[in-house]
């Protein structure tokens, strides 16, 4: 694939292991920013091969070895979660769900306390 057709940025999310990845292509090489340090060296290597195969990074990195990744024009793997941002819609949705959960829990607790007090009151009458 032509290096000019490689996207400047690409974001990926992995569920197992939980990780967010940002791939940045620049003039001085490729920087991969991972939100967590939970990829083994083998998994990193496989991911880089997959990126090259799919056209997210220059094709010449497809068959690079792990020692080649440290080269000036290779791949630099960085653990950095500062780029991760939560979309405002997701924040609003989570906040609304939490409010509902707190309200339901409070109402359930009040209902249970009313039942307990009613049973305790009925028990004390005897």
Protein backbone atom coordinates (compact mmCIF):
# COMPACT_ATOMS: atom_id res chain seq x y z
CA UNK A 1 0.00 0.00 0.00
CA UNK A 2 1.21 3.49 -0.80
CA UNK A 3 2.42 5.36 2.29
CA UNK A 4 0.35 8.42 1.29
CA UNK A 5 -2.84 6.34 1.60
CA UNK A 6 -2.11 5.41 5.22
CA UNK A 7 -4.44 7.28 7.62
CA UNK A 8 -2.83 9.80 9.98
CA UNK A 9 -4.78 8.45 12.99
CA UNK A 10 -6.79 5.36 13.80
CA UNK A 11 -8.42 4.33 17.07
CA UNK A 12 -9.10 0.76 18.21
CA UNK A 13 -10.80 -0.77 21.22
CA UNK A 14 -10.06 -4.25 22.55
CA UNK A 15 -12.32 -6.00 25.01
CA UNK A 16 -9.95 -8.79 26.00
CA UNK A 17 -7.65 -7.45 27.27
CA UNK A 18 -9.47 -4.16 27.89
CA UNK A 19 -7.44 -1.56 26.03
CA UNK A 20 -7.89 1.49 23.82
CA UNK A 21 -5.27 1.98 21.12
CA UNK A 22 -4.42 5.10 19.10
CA UNK A 23 -2.23 4.58 16.03
CA UNK A 24 -0.54 7.74 14.72
CA UNK A 25 1.41 7.79 11.46
CA UNK A 26 3.97 10.55 11.16
CA UNK A 27 7.00 11.46 9.10
CA UNK A 28 9.30 10.00 11.75
CA UNK A 29 7.49 6.66 12.09
CA UNK A 30 4.46 5.15 13.78
CA UNK A 31 3.45 5.79 17.38
CA UNK A 32 1.00 3.40 19.02
CA UNK A 33 -0.53 4.75 22.22
CA UNK A 34 -2.16 2.17 24.47
CA UNK A 35 -4.31 3.12 27.45
CA UNK A 36 -3.09 0.08 29.45
CA UNK A 37 0.08 -1.99 29.52
CA UNK A 38 -1.63 -5.36 29.08
CA UNK A 39 -0.39 -6.55 25.66
CA UNK A 40 2.36 -9.14 25.59
CA UNK A 41 5.26 -8.66 23.19
CA UNK A 42 3.78 -11.36 20.96
CA UNK A 43 0.36 -9.66 20.94
CA UNK A 44 1.99 -6.32 20.11
CA UNK A 45 3.85 -7.92 17.22
CA UNK A 46 0.70 -9.60 15.90
CA UNK A 47 -1.24 -6.35 16.18
CA UNK A 48 1.44 -4.45 14.24
CA UNK A 49 1.41 -7.12 11.51
CA UNK A 50 -2.38 -6.84 11.35
CA UNK A 51 -2.19 -3.03 11.13
CA UNK A 52 0.24 -3.28 8.21
CA UNK A 53 -1.91 -5.90 6.47
CA UNK A 54 -5.03 -3.76 6.78
CA UNK A 55 -3.31 -0.56 5.61
CA UNK A 56 -3.30 1.37 8.87
CA UNK A 57 0.51 1.64 8.92
CA UNK A 58 3.08 1.48 6.11
CA UNK A 59 3.38 -1.95 4.54
CA UNK A 60 7.15 -2.17 5.00
CA UNK A 61 6.51 -2.71 8.74
CA UNK A 62 4.50 -5.86 8.01
CA UNK A 63 7.40 -8.28 8.37
CA UNK A 64 9.50 -6.29 10.83
CA UNK A 65 10.84 -8.11 13.85
CA UNK A 66 10.41 -6.80 17.39
CA UNK A 67 13.96 -5.40 17.35
CA UNK A 68 13.10 -3.43 14.20
CA UNK A 69 10.29 -1.62 16.00
CA UNK A 70 12.78 0.45 17.96
CA UNK A 71 14.32 1.83 14.76
CA UNK A 72 13.90 5.57 14.04
CA UNK A 73 11.37 4.92 11.25
CA UNK A 74 9.71 1.92 12.89
CA UNK A 75 6.99 1.60 15.49
CA UNK A 76 7.10 3.17 18.93
CA UNK A 77 4.74 1.63 21.52
CA UNK A 78 3.76 4.07 24.30
CA UNK A 79 1.54 3.58 27.35
CA UNK A 80 -0.45 6.82 27.47
CA UNK A 81 -4.13 7.26 28.29
CA UNK A 82 -4.15 11.08 28.14
CA UNK A 83 -5.70 11.01 24.64
CA UNK A 84 -8.74 8.98 25.77
CA UNK A 85 -11.86 11.12 26.06
CA UNK A 86 -15.38 10.05 26.97
CA UNK A 87 -18.02 11.50 24.65
CA UNK A 88 -20.51 13.84 26.37
CA UNK A 89 -23.45 11.68 25.29
CA UNK A 90 -21.93 8.66 27.00
CA UNK A 91 -21.34 10.69 30.15
CA UNK A 92 -24.96 11.90 30.13
CA UNK A 93 -26.29 8.37 29.59
CA UNK A 94 -24.21 6.91 32.41
CA UNK A 95 -25.16 9.74 34.76
CA UNK A 96 -28.89 9.22 34.02
CA UNK A 97 -28.58 5.48 34.62
CA UNK A 98 -26.81 6.06 37.94
CA UNK A 99 -29.52 8.47 39.09
CA UNK A 100 -32.17 5.87 38.22
CA UNK A 101 -30.26 3.16 40.07
CA UNK A 102 -29.91 5.37 43.17
CA UNK A 103 -33.60 6.27 43.09
CA UNK A 104 -34.70 2.65 42.70
CA UNK A 105 -32.33 1.54 45.47
CA UNK A 106 -33.64 4.28 47.77
CA UNK A 107 -37.27 3.42 47.07
CA UNK A 108 -36.54 -0.27 47.59
CA UNK A 109 -34.82 0.46 50.88
CA UNK A 110 -37.72 2.64 52.06
CA UNK A 111 -40.20 -0.08 51.07
CA UNK A 112 -38.24 -2.72 52.95
CA UNK A 113 -37.95 -0.49 56.02
CA UNK A 114 -41.73 0.09 55.95
CA UNK A 115 -42.32 -3.67 55.82
CA UNK A 116 -39.84 -4.29 58.65
CA UNK A 117 -41.41 -1.57 60.82
CA UNK A 118 -44.92 -2.87 60.11
CA UNK A 119 -43.85 -6.42 61.04
CA UNK A 120 -42.05 -5.18 64.14
CA UNK A 121 -45.12 -3.17 65.15
CA UNK A 122 -47.40 -6.21 64.62
CA UNK A 123 -45.01 -8.37 66.62
CA UNK A 124 -44.96 -5.91 69.55
CA UNK A 125 -48.79 -5.94 69.86
CA UNK A 126 -48.82 -9.52 71.18
